[in-house]
C-alpha cells in the first residue's frame, strides 16, 4: 500500500468518527503516526465533506514524527516506502496549507537522531510562522523506542498535555 493511500485511510477514519459521534478529533501518533498527525491537522476537510468543520482535527501531538519525507528517499527507510522525490514532496505535511489555527505539539526523545529533532523544530517553526499554535518538547533520556514510555503514567507531562488537548474540544 502506498503512503498516500494510508493518509487517505486515516482521513476517512477521522471523517467517520466525526459523522458517527459529531465530535472533532485530537490526533496523536508516534513515528509514522506522528507524520499522520500532521497530515490530519493540515487537511482541507471541506474537500472531503462539505458539511465537515474546517477544524475537524484542530489539535495533535506528534511523537518523533517526520514531516519532510524528501530526505528519506535516498535512505534504506525508503526500501519500504518506495517514494520518489515528487511523491515524497506530495506526502510531506511540512509545507501543506492549513486552515484556521491548528495546535500541534511535536515531542521528540532526547536521545533521538539529529534528523528527528531537526524535523520537529522545522515543523514547529514553519507552522508557527503561518499561524498555527505549536510547541517543541523533548523527552529527556528517551530514544525512538522509549519515547512513548511516559504515556503509561497519567500524571506525566506528555499524558497531561494530550489530555488537555482533548479537554479543549469540549
C-alpha atoms as a PDB file:
ATOM      1  CA  UNK A   1       0.000   0.000   0.000  1.00  0.00           C
ATOM      2  CA  UNK A   2       1.278   3.445  -0.917  1.00  0.00           C
ATOM      3  CA  UNK A   3       1.748   6.176   1.689  1.00  0.00           C
ATOM      4  CA  UNK A   4      -0.870   8.388   0.017  1.00  0.00           C
ATOM      5  CA  UNK A   5      -3.426   5.587   0.484  1.00  0.00           C
ATOM      6  CA  UNK A   6      -2.589   5.319   4.185  1.00  0.00           C
ATOM      7  CA  UNK A   7      -3.069   9.083   4.588  1.00  0.00           C
ATOM      8  CA  UNK A   8      -6.464   8.796   2.860  1.00  0.00           C
ATOM      9  CA  UNK A   9      -7.479   5.910   5.143  1.00  0.00           C
ATOM     10  CA  UNK A  10      -6.629   7.925   8.242  1.00  0.00           C
ATOM     11  CA  UNK A  11      -8.598  10.879   6.880  1.00  0.00           C
ATOM     12  CA  UNK A  12     -11.566   8.580   6.203  1.00  0.00           C
ATOM     13  CA  UNK A  13     -11.344   7.323   9.793  1.00  0.00           C
ATOM     14  CA  UNK A  14     -11.422  10.863  11.188  1.00  0.00           C
ATOM     15  CA  UNK A  15     -14.421  11.707   8.989  1.00  0.00           C
ATOM     16  CA  UNK A  16     -16.183   8.534  10.104  1.00  0.00           C
ATOM     17  CA  UNK A  17     -15.664   9.433  13.778  1.00  0.00           C
ATOM     18  CA  UNK A  18     -16.980  12.943  13.214  1.00  0.00           C
ATOM     19  CA  UNK A  19     -20.059  11.685  11.343  1.00  0.00           C
ATOM     20  CA  UNK A  20     -20.745   8.951  13.904  1.00  0.00           C
ATOM     21  CA  UNK A  21     -20.207  10.982  17.087  1.00  0.00           C
ATOM     22  CA  UNK A  22     -20.461  14.602  15.871  1.00  0.00           C
ATOM     23  CA  UNK A  23     -17.207  15.440  17.623  1.00  0.00           C
ATOM     24  CA  UNK A  24     -13.910  16.799  16.422  1.00  0.00           C
ATOM     25  CA  UNK A  25     -10.821  14.608  16.749  1.00  0.00           C
ATOM     26  CA  UNK A  26      -7.495  15.084  18.519  1.00  0.00           C
ATOM     27  CA  UNK A  27      -4.750  13.276  16.621  1.00  0.00           C
ATOM     28  CA  UNK A  28      -1.713  11.708  18.190  1.00  0.00           C
ATOM     29  CA  UNK A  29       0.893   9.342  16.879  1.00  0.00           C
ATOM     30  CA  UNK A  30       4.451   8.103  17.135  1.00  0.00           C
ATOM     31  CA  UNK A  31       6.953   7.946  14.272  1.00  0.00           C
ATOM     32  CA  UNK A  32       4.854   7.332  11.122  1.00  0.00           C
ATOM     33  CA  UNK A  33       1.842   8.129  13.302  1.00  0.00           C
ATOM     34  CA  UNK A  34       3.421  11.496  14.111  1.00  0.00           C
ATOM     35  CA  UNK A  35       3.608  12.181  10.393  1.00  0.00           C
ATOM     36  CA  UNK A  36      -0.059  11.202  10.023  1.00  0.00           C
ATOM     37  CA  UNK A  37      -0.960  13.507  12.920  1.00  0.00           C
ATOM     38  CA  UNK A  38       0.433  16.488  11.000  1.00  0.00           C
ATOM     39  CA  UNK A  39      -1.328  15.283   7.837  1.00  0.00           C
ATOM     40  CA  UNK A  40      -4.693  15.326   9.624  1.00  0.00           C
ATOM     41  CA  UNK A  41      -4.130  18.826  11.016  1.00  0.00           C
ATOM     42  CA  UNK A  42      -3.300  20.151   7.536  1.00  0.00           C
ATOM     43  CA  UNK A  43      -6.230  18.502   5.730  1.00  0.00           C
ATOM     44  CA  UNK A  44      -8.803  20.591   3.871  1.00  0.00           C
ATOM     45  CA  UNK A  45     -11.818  18.795   5.353  1.00  0.00           C
ATOM     46  CA  UNK A  46     -14.320  20.689   3.163  1.00  0.00           C
ATOM     47  CA  UNK A  47     -12.719  18.973   0.169  1.00  0.00           C
ATOM     48  CA  UNK A  48     -13.762  15.621   1.653  1.00  0.00           C
ATOM     49  CA  UNK A  49     -17.177  16.584   3.028  1.00  0.00           C
ATOM     50  CA  UNK A  50     -18.801  19.994   2.565  1.00  0.00           C
ATOM     51  CA  UNK A  51     -20.560  19.591   5.925  1.00  0.00           C
ATOM     52  CA  UNK A  52     -17.395  18.820   7.878  1.00  0.00           C
ATOM     53  CA  UNK A  53     -15.960  21.507  10.148  1.00  0.00           C
ATOM     54  CA  UNK A  54     -12.819  23.196   8.867  1.00  0.00           C
ATOM     55  CA  UNK A  55     -11.143  22.188  12.098  1.00  0.00           C
ATOM     56  CA  UNK A  56     -12.332  18.583  12.207  1.00  0.00           C
ATOM     57  CA  UNK A  57      -8.868  17.783  13.634  1.00  0.00           C
ATOM     58  CA  UNK A  58      -7.921  21.016  15.415  1.00  0.00           C
ATOM     59  CA  UNK A  59      -5.054  19.709  17.513  1.00  0.00           C
ATOM     60  CA  UNK A  60      -2.486  16.988  17.709  1.00  0.00           C
ATOM     61  CA  UNK A  61       0.523  15.652  19.497  1.00  0.00           C
ATOM     62  CA  UNK A  62       3.266  14.069  17.437  1.00  0.00           C
ATOM     63  CA  UNK A  63       5.983  11.938  18.994  1.00  0.00           C
ATOM     64  CA  UNK A  64       9.138  11.510  16.908  1.00  0.00           C
ATOM     65  CA  UNK A  65       7.457  12.294  13.619  1.00  0.00           C
ATOM     66  CA  UNK A  66       8.978  13.107  10.263  1.00  0.00           C
ATOM     67  CA  UNK A  67       7.279  15.833   8.248  1.00  0.00           C
ATOM     68  CA  UNK A  68       9.553  16.358   5.241  1.00  0.00           C
ATOM     69  CA  UNK A  69       9.955  12.985   3.548  1.00  0.00           C
ATOM     70  CA  UNK A  70      12.341  14.060   0.773  1.00  0.00           C
ATOM     71  CA  UNK A  71      15.465  13.365   2.910  1.00  0.00           C
ATOM     72  CA  UNK A  72      14.246   9.759   3.298  1.00  0.00           C
ATOM     73  CA  UNK A  73      14.279   8.998  -0.434  1.00  0.00           C
ATOM     74  CA  UNK A  74      17.990   8.030  -0.644  1.00  0.00           C
ATOM     75  CA  UNK A  75      17.951   6.077   2.654  1.00  0.00           C
ATOM     76  CA  UNK A  76      17.221   2.440   3.464  1.00  0.00           C
ATOM     77  CA  UNK A  77      13.978   3.576   5.143  1.00  0.00           C
ATOM     78  CA  UNK A  78      12.690   4.168   1.632  1.00  0.00           C
ATOM     79  CA  UNK A  79      13.044   0.456   0.831  1.00  0.00           C
ATOM     80  CA  UNK A  80       9.633   0.013   2.448  1.00  0.00           C
ATOM     81  CA  UNK A  81       8.113   3.365   1.438  1.00  0.00           C
ATOM     82  CA  UNK A  82       9.228   3.235  -2.207  1.00  0.00           C
ATOM     83  CA  UNK A  83       8.894   7.003  -2.610  1.00  0.00           C
ATOM     84  CA  UNK A  84      10.390   9.039  -5.406  1.00  0.00           C
ATOM     85  CA  UNK A  85      11.099  12.725  -4.743  1.00  0.00           C
ATOM     86  CA  UNK A  86       7.823  14.088  -6.195  1.00  0.00           C
ATOM     87  CA  UNK A  87       5.766  11.589  -4.178  1.00  0.00           C
ATOM     88  CA  UNK A  88       7.798  12.339  -1.052  1.00  0.00           C
ATOM     89  CA  UNK A  89       7.128  16.052  -1.529  1.00  0.00           C
ATOM     90  CA  UNK A  90       3.373  15.485  -2.031  1.00  0.00           C
ATOM     91  CA  UNK A  91       3.192  13.432   1.176  1.00  0.00           C
ATOM     92  CA  UNK A  92       5.198  15.844   3.334  1.00  0.00           C
ATOM     93  CA  UNK A  93       2.874  17.938   5.526  1.00  0.00           C
ATOM     94  CA  UNK A  94       5.599  20.460   6.366  1.00  0.00           C
ATOM     95  CA  UNK A  95       4.562  22.785   3.527  1.00  0.00           C
ATOM     96  CA  UNK A  96       0.882  21.907   3.248  1.00  0.00           C
ATOM     97  CA  UNK A  97      -1.638  24.688   3.678  1.00  0.00           C
ATOM     98  CA  UNK A  98      -3.897  24.504   6.672  1.00  0.00           C
ATOM     99  CA  UNK A  99      -6.923  26.498   7.653  1.00  0.00           C
ATOM    100  CA  UNK A 100      -7.685  28.045  10.980  1.00  0.00           C
ATOM    101  CA  UNK A 101      -5.186  27.900  13.785  1.00  0.00           C
ATOM    102  CA  UNK A 102      -4.270  24.271  14.439  1.00  0.00           C
ATOM    103  CA  UNK A 103      -2.471  23.317  17.635  1.00  0.00           C
ATOM    104  CA  UNK A 104       0.461  20.954  17.216  1.00  0.00           C
ATOM    105  CA  UNK A 105       2.916  19.728  19.817  1.00  0.00           C
ATOM    106  CA  UNK A 106       5.994  17.989  18.418  1.00  0.00           C
ATOM    107  CA  UNK A 107       7.635  15.808  21.080  1.00  0.00           C
ATOM    108  CA  UNK A 108      10.980  14.110  20.487  1.00  0.00           C
ATOM    109  CA  UNK A 109      13.079  11.793  22.605  1.00  0.00           C
ATOM    110  CA  UNK A 110      16.249  13.494  23.836  1.00  0.00           C
ATOM    111  CA  UNK A 111      18.268  10.543  22.532  1.00  0.00           C
ATOM    112  CA  UNK A 112      16.714  10.586  19.052  1.00  0.00           C
ATOM    113  CA  UNK A 113      18.854  11.187  15.986  1.00  0.00           C
ATOM    114  CA  UNK A 114      19.522  14.757  14.922  1.00  0.00           C
ATOM    115  CA  UNK A 115      17.091  14.354  11.991  1.00  0.00           C
ATOM    116  CA  UNK A 116      14.092  13.830  14.277  1.00  0.00           C
ATOM    117  CA  UNK A 117      14.995  16.945  16.253  1.00  0.00           C
ATOM    118  CA  UNK A 118      15.631  18.960  13.090  1.00  0.00           C
ATOM    119  CA  UNK A 119      12.338  17.960  11.502  1.00  0.00           C
ATOM    120  CA  UNK A 120      10.283  18.631  14.629  1.00  0.00           C
ATOM    121  CA  UNK A 121      11.904  22.054  15.077  1.00  0.00           C
ATOM    122  CA  UNK A 122      11.393  22.789  11.382  1.00  0.00           C
ATOM    123  CA  UNK A 123       7.680  21.910  11.512  1.00  0.00           C
ATOM    124  CA  UNK A 124       7.073  23.866  14.706  1.00  0.00           C
ATOM    125  CA  UNK A 125       8.874  26.940  13.340  1.00  0.00           C
ATOM    126  CA  UNK A 126       7.323  26.819   9.857  1.00  0.00           C
ATOM    127  CA  UNK A 127       3.764  26.245  11.030  1.00  0.00           C
ATOM    128  CA  UNK A 128       4.085  28.899  13.751  1.00  0.00           C
ATOM    129  CA  UNK A 129       5.066  31.463  11.075  1.00  0.00           C
ATOM    130  CA  UNK A 130       1.833  30.589   9.264  1.00  0.00           C
ATOM    131  CA  UNK A 131      -0.406  30.987  12.318  1.00  0.00           C
ATOM    132  CA  UNK A 132      -0.501  27.582  13.986  1.00  0.00           C
ATOM    133  CA  UNK A 133      -0.033  27.235  17.721  1.00  0.00           C
ATOM    134  CA  UNK A 134       2.991  24.997  18.010  1.00  0.00           C
ATOM    135  CA  UNK A 135       5.344  23.711  20.669  1.00  0.00           C
ATOM    136  CA  UNK A 136       8.504  21.630  20.635  1.00  0.00           C
ATOM    137  CA  UNK A 137       9.094  19.340  23.608  1.00  0.00           C
ATOM    138  CA  UNK A 138      11.932  16.985  24.376  1.00  0.00           C
ATOM    139  CA  UNK A 139      11.524  13.779  26.373  1.00  0.00           C
ATOM    140  CA  UNK A 140      14.683  13.580  28.455  1.00  0.00           C
ATOM    141  CA  UNK A 141      16.728  10.419  28.034  1.00  0.00           C
ATOM    142  CA  UNK A 142      14.274   8.800  25.613  1.00  0.00           C
ATOM    143  CA  UNK A 143      15.151   7.282  22.267  1.00  0.00           C
ATOM    144  CA  UNK A 144      12.893   6.379  19.351  1.00  0.00           C
ATOM    145  CA  UNK A 145      11.682   3.219  21.066  1.00  0.00           C
ATOM    146  CA  UNK A 146      11.263   4.569  24.595  1.00  0.00           C
ATOM    147  CA  UNK A 147       9.749   7.966  23.769  1.00  0.00           C
ATOM    148  CA  UNK A 148       6.227   6.643  24.388  1.00  0.00           C
ATOM    149  CA  UNK A 149       7.013   5.192  27.813  1.00  0.00           C
ATOM    150  CA  UNK A 150       5.874   8.302  29.740  1.00  0.00           C
ATOM    151  CA  UNK A 151       2.364   7.845  28.360  1.00  0.00           C
ATOM    152  CA  UNK A 152       1.833   4.897  30.726  1.00  0.00           C
ATOM    153  CA  UNK A 153       1.866   7.436  33.575  1.00  0.00           C
ATOM    154  CA  UNK A 154      -1.320   9.530  33.537  1.00  0.00           C
ATOM    155  CA  UNK A 155       0.494  12.240  35.509  1.00  0.00           C
ATOM    156  CA  UNK A 156       3.448  12.567  33.094  1.00  0.00           C
ATOM    157  CA  UNK A 157       3.865  15.847  31.256  1.00  0.00           C
ATOM    158  CA  UNK A 158       3.038  14.271  27.895  1.00  0.00           C
ATOM    159  CA  UNK A 159      -0.078  12.489  29.216  1.00  0.00           C
ATOM    160  CA  UNK A 160      -1.347  15.684  30.816  1.00  0.00           C
ATOM    161  CA  UNK A 161      -0.731  17.632  27.606  1.00  0.00           C
ATOM    162  CA  UNK A 162      -2.567  15.065  25.493  1.00  0.00           C
ATOM    163  CA  UNK A 163      -5.495  15.148  27.926  1.00  0.00           C
ATOM    164  CA  UNK A 164      -5.511  18.952  27.799  1.00  0.00           C
ATOM    165  CA  UNK A 165      -5.746  18.884  24.013  1.00  0.00           C
ATOM    166  CA  UNK A 166      -8.761  16.607  24.316  1.00  0.00           C
ATOM    167  CA  UNK A 167     -10.422  18.702  27.017  1.00  0.00           C
ATOM    168  CA  UNK A 168     -10.041  21.798  24.835  1.00  0.00           C
ATOM    169  CA  UNK A 169     -12.546  20.265  22.409  1.00  0.00           C
ATOM    170  CA  UNK A 170     -15.348  20.242  24.933  1.00  0.00           C
END
